Protein backbone atom coordinates (compact mmCIF):
# COMPACT_ATOMS: atom_id res chain seq x y z
CA MET A 1 39.71 -66.11 -144.57
CA GLN A 2 43.39 -65.16 -144.87
CA TYR A 3 45.01 -64.72 -148.26
CA ILE A 4 48.53 -66.20 -148.42
CA ARG A 5 51.28 -66.70 -150.95
CA ILE A 6 51.92 -70.35 -151.67
CA ASP A 7 55.47 -70.19 -150.34
CA GLU A 8 53.98 -69.29 -146.93
CA ILE A 9 51.84 -72.42 -146.73
CA ASN A 10 54.01 -74.17 -144.11
CA LYS A 11 53.04 -71.45 -141.62
CA HIS A 12 49.32 -72.24 -141.99
CA ALA A 13 48.91 -75.98 -141.36
CA ASP A 14 45.29 -76.96 -140.63
CA GLU A 15 44.10 -73.40 -141.34
CA GLU A 16 41.57 -72.09 -143.84
CA VAL A 17 43.35 -69.94 -146.45
CA GLN A 18 42.87 -68.34 -149.83
CA ILE A 19 45.42 -68.45 -152.66
CA LYS A 20 45.41 -66.62 -155.98
CA GLY A 21 47.17 -67.90 -159.07
CA TRP A 22 47.06 -69.79 -162.35
CA VAL A 23 46.32 -73.39 -163.30
CA THR A 24 49.44 -75.21 -164.49
CA HIS A 25 48.11 -78.79 -164.50
CA ILE A 26 44.79 -80.52 -163.96
CA ARG A 27 43.67 -84.15 -163.82
CA SER A 28 40.49 -85.89 -162.79
CA SER A 29 39.84 -89.21 -161.08
CA GLY A 30 36.13 -89.72 -160.68
CA LYS A 31 35.10 -87.85 -157.57
CA LEU A 32 38.51 -86.18 -157.22
CA ILE A 33 39.99 -83.36 -159.27
CA PHE A 34 43.64 -82.42 -158.77
CA ILE A 35 44.60 -78.87 -159.71
CA GLU A 36 48.18 -77.59 -159.59
CA ILE A 37 48.29 -73.85 -158.97
CA ARG A 38 51.23 -71.46 -159.27
CA ASP A 39 51.28 -67.92 -157.96
CA GLY A 40 54.85 -66.85 -158.76
CA SER A 41 56.17 -67.79 -155.35
CA GLU A 42 55.56 -71.56 -155.54
CA ARG A 43 53.24 -74.30 -156.79
CA VAL A 44 50.79 -76.35 -154.77
CA GLN A 45 48.32 -79.14 -155.43
CA CYS A 46 44.68 -78.32 -154.69
CA VAL A 47 42.32 -81.27 -154.30
CA VAL A 48 38.62 -80.96 -155.07
CA TYR A 49 36.54 -83.79 -153.55
CA LYS A 50 33.01 -84.00 -154.88
CA GLY A 51 31.60 -84.62 -151.42
CA ASP A 52 33.20 -81.44 -149.97
CA VAL A 53 31.88 -78.86 -152.43
CA THR A 54 28.66 -77.84 -154.14
CA PRO A 55 27.82 -79.33 -157.55
CA GLU A 56 28.48 -75.89 -159.09
CA ILE A 57 32.00 -75.69 -157.66
CA PHE A 58 32.81 -79.25 -158.75
CA GLU A 59 31.55 -78.45 -162.25
CA THR A 60 33.71 -75.29 -162.30
CA ALA A 61 36.75 -77.31 -161.25
CA ASP A 62 36.06 -79.93 -163.89
CA GLY A 63 35.95 -77.24 -166.59
CA LEU A 64 39.18 -75.47 -165.73
CA THR A 65 41.87 -75.14 -168.40
CA ILE A 66 45.61 -74.45 -168.33
CA GLU A 67 46.48 -70.83 -167.36
CA THR A 68 43.03 -70.06 -166.00
CA SER A 69 43.49 -67.39 -163.32
CA LEU A 70 41.49 -68.01 -160.16
CA MET A 71 41.14 -67.71 -156.41
CA ILE A 72 40.87 -70.88 -154.36
CA SER A 73 39.86 -71.18 -150.73
CA GLY A 74 40.35 -74.29 -148.64
CA SER A 75 42.13 -75.99 -145.79
CA VAL A 76 45.87 -76.58 -145.60
CA ARG A 77 46.74 -80.17 -144.85
CA LYS A 78 49.91 -82.24 -144.78
CA ASP A 79 51.01 -84.13 -147.89
CA THR A 80 54.34 -85.93 -147.59
CA ARG A 81 54.53 -86.43 -151.36
CA SER A 82 54.55 -82.70 -151.99
CA LYS A 83 57.76 -80.70 -152.20
CA LEU A 84 56.14 -78.17 -149.84
CA GLY A 85 54.83 -80.89 -147.55
CA TYR A 86 51.28 -79.60 -147.87
CA GLU A 87 48.29 -79.48 -150.18
CA ILE A 88 44.98 -77.61 -150.10
CA GLY A 89 41.60 -79.24 -149.71
CA VAL A 90 39.37 -77.03 -151.83
CA LYS A 91 36.18 -75.47 -150.45
CA SER A 92 35.47 -72.81 -153.07
CA ILE A 93 36.74 -71.61 -156.47
CA GLN A 94 36.35 -68.20 -158.05
CA VAL A 95 37.48 -67.93 -161.66
CA VAL A 96 39.05 -64.59 -162.55
CA HIS A 97 39.69 -65.33 -166.23
CA GLN A 98 39.43 -68.49 -168.31
CA PRO A 99 41.26 -68.49 -171.66
CA LYS A 100 39.06 -69.03 -174.71
CA ASP A 101 41.91 -70.61 -176.64
CA GLU A 102 44.20 -73.49 -175.77
CA PHE A 103 47.50 -72.36 -174.21
CA PRO A 104 50.04 -72.50 -177.08
CA ILE A 105 52.87 -74.09 -175.06
CA SER A 106 52.13 -77.71 -174.21
CA PRO A 107 54.25 -80.34 -172.42
CA LYS A 108 55.40 -81.69 -175.80
CA GLU A 109 58.71 -80.69 -177.32
CA HIS A 110 58.78 -77.31 -179.08
CA GLY A 111 61.46 -75.78 -181.28
CA VAL A 112 63.65 -72.97 -179.99
CA ALA A 113 62.33 -70.50 -182.58
CA PHE A 114 58.72 -71.20 -181.57
CA LEU A 115 59.48 -70.87 -177.87
CA HIS A 116 61.20 -67.52 -178.38
CA GLU A 117 58.24 -66.24 -180.37
CA GLN A 118 56.21 -67.18 -177.29
CA ARG A 119 58.79 -65.87 -174.82
CA HIS A 120 56.19 -63.75 -173.00
CA LEU A 121 54.36 -67.01 -172.18
CA TRP A 122 57.35 -69.35 -172.01
CA ILE A 123 58.72 -67.55 -168.94
CA ARG A 124 55.78 -69.05 -167.00
CA SER A 125 57.23 -72.56 -167.30
CA SER A 126 58.93 -74.19 -164.33
CA ARG A 127 62.32 -74.30 -166.08
CA GLN A 128 62.27 -70.63 -167.01
CA VAL A 129 61.01 -69.64 -163.56
CA ALA A 130 63.93 -71.55 -162.03
CA ILE A 131 66.42 -69.71 -164.25
CA LEU A 132 64.93 -66.32 -163.47
CA ARG A 133 64.95 -67.03 -159.74
CA ILE A 134 68.63 -67.96 -159.90
CA ARG A 135 69.29 -64.80 -161.90
CA ALA A 136 67.61 -62.77 -159.14
CA THR A 137 69.82 -64.45 -156.52
CA ILE A 138 72.95 -63.68 -158.56
CA VAL A 139 72.00 -60.01 -158.86
CA LYS A 140 71.19 -59.71 -155.16
CA ALA A 141 74.36 -61.52 -154.13
CA ALA A 142 76.49 -59.27 -156.35
CA ARG A 143 75.00 -56.14 -154.83
CA ASP A 144 75.11 -57.47 -151.27
CA PHE A 145 78.78 -58.39 -151.60
CA LEU A 146 79.77 -54.99 -152.95
CA ASP A 147 77.58 -53.09 -150.48
CA ARG A 148 79.19 -54.95 -147.58
CA ASN A 149 82.68 -54.26 -148.88
CA GLY A 150 82.42 -50.50 -149.00
CA PHE A 151 81.30 -50.05 -152.60
CA ILE A 152 78.67 -47.39 -153.34
CA LEU A 153 76.08 -47.84 -156.09
CA PHE A 154 76.89 -45.32 -158.81
CA ASP A 155 74.42 -44.93 -161.68
CA THR A 156 76.14 -44.37 -165.03
CA PRO A 157 74.50 -43.10 -168.24
CA ILE A 158 73.06 -45.36 -170.92
CA LEU A 159 73.43 -42.65 -173.59
CA THR A 160 77.09 -41.80 -174.16
CA PRO A 161 78.97 -39.49 -176.54
CA THR A 162 81.55 -42.02 -177.70
CA SER A 163 82.93 -45.54 -177.42
CA CYS A 164 84.80 -47.18 -174.58
CA GLU A 165 85.16 -50.69 -176.07
CA GLY A 166 85.77 -50.03 -179.76
CA THR A 167 83.74 -48.09 -182.32
CA SER A 168 82.80 -51.15 -184.41
CA THR A 169 80.28 -52.42 -181.83
CA LEU A 170 78.38 -49.20 -181.08
CA PHE A 171 74.63 -48.76 -181.45
CA GLU A 172 74.12 -45.22 -182.75
CA THR A 173 70.97 -43.22 -182.09
CA PRO A 174 69.88 -39.66 -183.02
CA TYR A 175 70.28 -37.25 -180.11
CA PHE A 176 68.75 -33.89 -180.96
CA SER A 177 71.25 -32.22 -183.33
CA ARG A 178 73.93 -34.91 -183.03
CA SER A 179 74.48 -38.64 -182.53
CA ALA A 180 74.71 -40.54 -179.28
CA TYR A 181 75.49 -44.17 -178.54
CA LEU A 182 74.09 -46.86 -176.29
CA THR A 183 76.63 -47.62 -173.59
CA GLN A 184 79.03 -50.53 -173.96
CA SER A 185 80.08 -50.23 -170.31
CA GLY A 186 79.73 -47.94 -167.32
CA GLN A 187 83.43 -48.23 -166.55
CA LEU A 188 84.73 -44.84 -167.65
CA TYR A 189 82.10 -43.11 -165.54
CA ASP A 190 82.76 -45.52 -162.67
CA GLU A 191 86.35 -44.27 -162.68
CA ALA A 192 85.07 -40.75 -162.07
CA GLY A 193 82.90 -42.12 -159.26
CA ALA A 194 85.86 -43.90 -157.68
CA MET A 195 87.77 -40.61 -157.54
CA ALA A 196 84.85 -39.11 -155.60
CA LEU A 197 83.64 -42.01 -153.44
CA GLY A 198 86.67 -44.32 -153.28
CA ARG A 199 84.80 -47.50 -154.20
CA VAL A 200 81.78 -47.60 -156.51
CA TYR A 201 79.87 -50.00 -158.71
CA SER A 202 77.41 -49.58 -161.53
CA PHE A 203 74.78 -52.12 -162.45
CA GLY A 204 72.72 -51.87 -165.60
CA PRO A 205 72.18 -52.79 -169.23
CA THR A 206 74.99 -52.54 -171.75
CA PHE A 207 74.88 -52.86 -175.52
CA ARG A 208 77.26 -54.32 -178.09
CA ALA A 209 76.52 -54.33 -181.82
CA GLU A 210 78.63 -57.44 -182.39
CA LYS A 211 77.47 -59.42 -185.39
CA SER A 212 77.89 -62.63 -183.49
CA LYS A 213 75.56 -65.61 -183.25
CA THR A 214 77.48 -67.66 -180.71
CA ARG A 215 75.85 -69.15 -177.64
CA ARG A 216 77.70 -66.61 -175.46
CA HIS A 217 76.53 -63.38 -177.08
CA LEU A 218 73.58 -61.01 -176.72
CA THR A 219 73.29 -57.50 -178.11
CA GLU A 220 71.81 -56.27 -174.81
CA PHE A 221 73.09 -57.64 -171.54
CA TRP A 222 73.58 -56.60 -167.92
CA MET A 223 76.86 -55.95 -166.17
CA VAL A 224 77.89 -55.18 -162.62
CA GLU A 225 81.09 -53.12 -162.65
CA PRO A 226 83.01 -52.32 -159.45
CA GLU A 227 85.81 -49.75 -159.56
CA ALA A 228 88.15 -48.81 -156.71
CA ALA A 229 90.72 -46.09 -156.12
CA PHE A 230 94.16 -47.09 -154.80
CA PHE A 231 93.68 -50.57 -156.29
CA ASP A 232 96.18 -52.52 -158.35
CA LEU A 233 95.87 -55.65 -160.49
CA ASP A 234 96.54 -58.13 -157.68
CA MET A 235 93.93 -56.48 -155.47
CA ASP A 236 91.51 -56.49 -158.38
CA MET A 237 91.97 -60.21 -159.02
CA LYS A 238 91.53 -61.04 -155.35
CA LEU A 239 88.31 -59.02 -155.26
CA ALA A 240 87.04 -60.81 -158.38
CA GLU A 241 87.75 -64.23 -156.83
CA GLU A 242 85.96 -63.44 -153.59
CA PHE A 243 83.08 -61.83 -155.49
CA VAL A 244 82.39 -64.86 -157.69
CA ALA A 245 82.87 -67.36 -154.87
CA TYR A 246 80.29 -65.47 -152.80
CA ILE A 247 77.78 -65.41 -155.65
CA VAL A 248 78.13 -69.17 -156.15
CA SER A 249 77.71 -69.84 -152.44
CA GLU A 250 74.50 -67.77 -152.35
CA VAL A 251 73.01 -69.67 -155.29
CA LEU A 252 73.86 -73.00 -153.65
CA LYS A 253 72.30 -71.80 -150.39
CA ASN A 254 69.13 -70.27 -151.78
CA ASN A 255 68.31 -72.12 -155.00
CA THR A 256 68.55 -75.83 -154.27
CA TYR A 257 65.12 -76.56 -155.71
CA GLU A 258 65.74 -74.47 -158.83
CA LEU A 259 69.07 -76.21 -159.48
CA GLU A 260 67.30 -79.57 -159.13
CA THR A 261 64.61 -78.42 -161.56
CA LEU A 262 67.35 -77.62 -164.07
CA GLU A 263 69.10 -80.95 -163.32
CA ARG A 264 72.27 -78.99 -162.60
CA ASN A 265 75.21 -80.99 -161.28
CA ILE A 266 75.84 -79.02 -158.09
CA VAL A 267 78.94 -81.05 -157.20
CA LYS A 268 80.76 -78.99 -159.82
CA LEU A 269 79.59 -75.79 -158.14
CA GLU A 270 80.47 -76.91 -154.64
CA THR A 271 84.18 -76.90 -155.56
CA ILE A 272 84.11 -73.17 -156.31
CA GLU A 273 86.25 -71.79 -153.49
CA THR A 274 89.06 -69.27 -153.39
CA PRO A 275 91.85 -69.02 -154.29
CA PHE A 276 91.27 -69.49 -158.01
CA PRO A 277 94.11 -70.59 -160.29
CA ARG A 278 95.92 -67.76 -162.07
CA ILE A 279 97.96 -68.06 -165.23
CA SER A 280 99.60 -65.47 -167.44
CA TYR A 281 98.67 -65.00 -171.08
CA ASP A 282 102.08 -66.48 -171.93
CA GLU A 283 101.23 -69.63 -170.00
CA ALA A 284 97.84 -69.78 -171.71
CA ILE A 285 99.53 -69.69 -175.11
CA ASP A 286 101.87 -72.51 -174.05
CA ILE A 287 98.88 -74.60 -172.92
CA LEU A 288 97.11 -74.08 -176.23
CA LYS A 289 100.20 -74.96 -178.26
CA SER A 290 100.74 -78.11 -176.18
CA THR A 291 97.20 -79.25 -177.07
CA GLY A 292 97.72 -78.75 -180.79
CA HIS A 293 96.10 -75.32 -181.22
CA GLU A 294 97.72 -73.02 -183.74
CA VAL A 295 97.96 -69.74 -181.89
CA ILE A 296 100.34 -66.84 -182.24
CA TRP A 297 101.47 -64.67 -179.35
CA GLY A 298 99.49 -61.45 -179.66
CA ASP A 299 96.23 -63.08 -180.74
CA ASP A 300 93.21 -62.58 -178.52
CA LEU A 301 91.68 -65.77 -177.13
CA GLY A 302 88.42 -66.88 -178.69
CA GLY A 303 85.71 -69.14 -177.35
CA ASP A 304 87.41 -72.36 -178.44
CA GLU A 305 90.69 -71.38 -176.85
CA GLU A 306 88.99 -70.31 -173.63
CA THR A 307 87.21 -73.67 -173.45
CA VAL A 308 90.47 -75.61 -173.79
CA ILE A 309 92.04 -73.64 -170.95
CA SER A 310 89.05 -73.59 -168.59
CA ASN A 311 88.53 -77.36 -168.98
CA ARG A 312 91.85 -77.89 -167.17
CA TYR A 313 90.41 -76.52 -163.92
CA ASP A 314 87.52 -77.31 -161.58
CA ARG A 315 86.91 -73.66 -160.77
CA PRO A 316 87.25 -70.32 -162.57
CA VAL A 317 90.70 -69.44 -163.83
CA LEU A 318 92.18 -65.95 -164.14
CA ILE A 319 94.33 -65.16 -167.16
CA HIS A 320 96.35 -62.00 -166.69
CA ARG A 321 98.70 -59.75 -168.63
CA TYR A 322 97.38 -59.99 -172.18
CA PRO A 323 99.26 -58.22 -174.95
CA VAL A 324 98.62 -54.48 -175.06
CA GLU A 325 97.14 -54.70 -178.55
CA CYS A 326 94.45 -57.14 -177.35
CA LYS A 327 93.01 -54.74 -174.80
CA ALA A 328 91.27 -51.38 -174.68
CA PHE A 329 93.09 -48.04 -174.64
CA TYR A 330 92.48 -47.44 -170.93
CA MET A 331 94.40 -50.50 -169.70
CA LYS A 332 97.69 -49.74 -167.95
CA SER A 333 100.82 -51.35 -169.36
CA ASP A 334 102.95 -53.44 -167.04
CA PRO A 335 105.89 -51.24 -165.93
CA GLN A 336 108.11 -54.32 -165.97
CA ARG A 337 107.05 -55.31 -169.48
CA SER A 338 105.54 -52.62 -171.67
CA ASN A 339 104.05 -54.96 -174.29
CA VAL A 340 101.52 -56.48 -171.86
CA SER A 341 98.65 -54.91 -169.94
CA LEU A 342 97.87 -55.11 -166.24
CA CYS A 343 94.58 -56.82 -167.06
CA CYS A 344 92.79 -60.07 -166.36
CA ASP A 345 89.93 -62.19 -167.66
CA MET A 346 88.11 -64.75 -165.56
CA LEU A 347 87.01 -67.88 -167.39
CA ALA A 348 84.24 -70.00 -165.91
CA PRO A 349 84.78 -73.78 -165.90
CA GLU A 350 82.88 -76.30 -168.03
CA GLY A 351 83.47 -74.30 -171.19
CA TYR A 352 81.40 -71.24 -170.27
CA GLY A 353 84.14 -68.79 -171.14
CA GLU A 354 84.81 -65.27 -169.95
CA ILE A 355 82.54 -63.98 -167.19
CA ILE A 356 84.79 -61.17 -165.96
CA GLY A 357 87.07 -58.76 -167.73
CA GLY A 358 89.02 -56.07 -165.94
CA GLY A 359 92.30 -54.74 -164.73
CA GLN A 360 94.28 -51.70 -163.68
CA ARG A 361 93.57 -48.45 -165.51
CA GLU A 362 96.14 -46.11 -167.00
CA ASP A 363 96.55 -43.29 -164.47
CA ASP A 364 99.13 -41.11 -166.27
CA TYR A 365 97.72 -38.25 -168.34
CA GLU A 366 100.26 -38.20 -171.19
CA THR A 367 100.33 -41.98 -171.52
CA LEU A 368 96.54 -42.17 -171.68
CA LEU A 369 96.33 -39.36 -174.25
CA ASN A 370 98.85 -41.16 -176.45
CA LYS A 371 96.89 -44.40 -176.15
CA ILE A 372 93.67 -42.67 -177.20
CA LYS A 373 95.44 -41.35 -180.29
CA HIS A 374 97.08 -44.72 -180.96
CA HIS A 375 93.62 -46.32 -181.07
CA LYS A 376 92.57 -43.66 -183.60
CA LEU A 377 90.00 -42.17 -181.23
CA ASP A 378 89.17 -38.47 -181.14
CA PRO A 379 90.61 -37.05 -177.87
CA GLU A 380 87.94 -34.33 -177.62
CA PRO A 381 85.08 -36.50 -176.22
CA PHE A 382 87.57 -37.91 -173.67
CA GLN A 383 88.64 -34.59 -172.17
CA TRP A 384 86.53 -35.19 -169.06
CA TYR A 385 88.09 -38.66 -168.74
CA LEU A 386 91.57 -37.17 -169.10
CA ASP A 387 90.67 -34.69 -166.33
CA LEU A 388 90.65 -37.63 -163.93
CA ARG A 389 94.41 -37.85 -164.59
CA ARG A 390 94.89 -34.07 -164.35
CA TYR A 391 93.47 -33.69 -160.87
CA GLY A 392 94.53 -36.11 -158.15
CA SER A 393 95.19 -39.19 -160.24
CA VAL A 394 95.78 -42.42 -158.33
CA PRO A 395 96.24 -46.09 -159.23
CA HIS A 396 92.82 -47.64 -159.67
CA ALA A 397 91.30 -50.83 -161.00
CA GLY A 398 88.03 -52.62 -161.56
CA PHE A 399 86.20 -55.20 -163.61
CA GLY A 400 82.87 -56.05 -165.17
CA LEU A 401 80.94 -59.25 -164.53
CA GLY A 402 78.42 -60.26 -167.20
CA ILE A 403 75.20 -61.38 -165.51
CA GLU A 404 73.93 -63.50 -168.39
CA ARG A 405 77.10 -65.56 -168.80
CA THR A 406 77.20 -66.08 -165.05
CA VAL A 407 73.58 -67.25 -165.08
CA ALA A 408 74.32 -69.60 -167.98
CA TRP A 409 77.25 -71.14 -166.11
CA LEU A 410 75.54 -71.57 -162.75
CA CYS A 411 72.35 -72.94 -164.36
CA GLY A 412 74.24 -75.18 -166.78
CA LEU A 413 72.55 -73.69 -169.86
CA ASN A 414 73.65 -74.18 -173.45
CA HIS A 415 72.85 -70.63 -174.58
CA VAL A 416 72.63 -67.21 -172.92
CA ARG A 417 69.27 -66.52 -174.61
CA GLU A 418 67.50 -68.29 -171.73
CA THR A 419 69.27 -66.23 -169.06
CA ILE A 420 67.35 -62.97 -169.54
CA PRO A 421 63.59 -62.46 -169.67
CA PHE A 422 63.56 -61.07 -173.21
CA PRO A 423 66.81 -61.73 -175.11
CA ARG A 424 68.02 -59.40 -177.81
CA LEU A 425 69.97 -61.11 -180.58
CA MET A 426 71.06 -60.14 -184.09
CA ASP A 427 67.88 -61.60 -185.52
CA ARG A 428 65.51 -61.04 -182.58
CA ILE A 429 64.01 -57.94 -181.03
CA HIS A 430 60.49 -59.37 -180.55
CA PRO A 431 58.65 -59.89 -178.26
């Protein structure tokens, strides 16, 4: 008898098959027992009819409990009520493991704190599986897009000697006779890669020790960061638009069922097409002032301000040319206006805030050295980074897309803590 994954069931109509998985739901109706089985690929209903099996098998089926692992053999038959269009008529059951205790997560409502204590079990639920599947699509789409557009995967270190996004949010760790830090971004190393390979991207975990408890923040999150030589700000923004539009299209194409499970309004996602609206920081300040927000030119935009701006558009909006003091030392100043940077942030619609931050990098040695000093950073750990401006410097640009915020937006989630298998927050590092 052939073993199959449940998502392959449509290829085996009227055949005898074996599936392996876990019990997610069970109900009895006299001579019939209905068992819903999941195997990670899909879920299917298995029907045990008393007249088709031995008394021992029927008794086994009747005694099954939630999350029992088992192997079921039977015949695949059509079922128009099923999402898959098929069910399995059971012939035999082999229990692998039956829990002694009741599964702690029941269909009733549970508090967020309880569910996160049970995160290792909660990820088995249909909602969490849907989110994680969409996350996988987003990651694959991001890599596919960059691979097809000439970008080379470039692995950057997690342990770094210094900061690239401000010293106040570094996680410090002992490193033999000195200290090292968990990376805040792979960008500085990506710049070195771009000088060697032309177009590169890193993809991996990043860490920020921000003492923030907002729905948009995690202390450990994943970023995909493309960087390209001979790129300017306009080219960078165009790449970011096409990148995000492609990711959205892939989720709509591949995750219809998951979006339905999450009750996501896909009409709002179907409008995500290029070009995206672009506004300057100056225009953003004018918008905020016109809506009654007390903002001063030079202030960075917080979550509330981003929400006000993004709610004006039905697709992501790019805000470019922030004040120099708002951005990191490596951002290039606009030659036409030295008090603003050639940078951009992309805000997702529906109040999900910044999903991309990037821009053109400072490519002049002396200017970059002065900026490092201006930000009160020790130039010594940046000598290798300054070398990139000593030897064959060129205009270059890039950005970072936060995976978790993108997942939250596309899934319509209220908090990023559901976007990653095991979230790390200020007050949570377990399980």
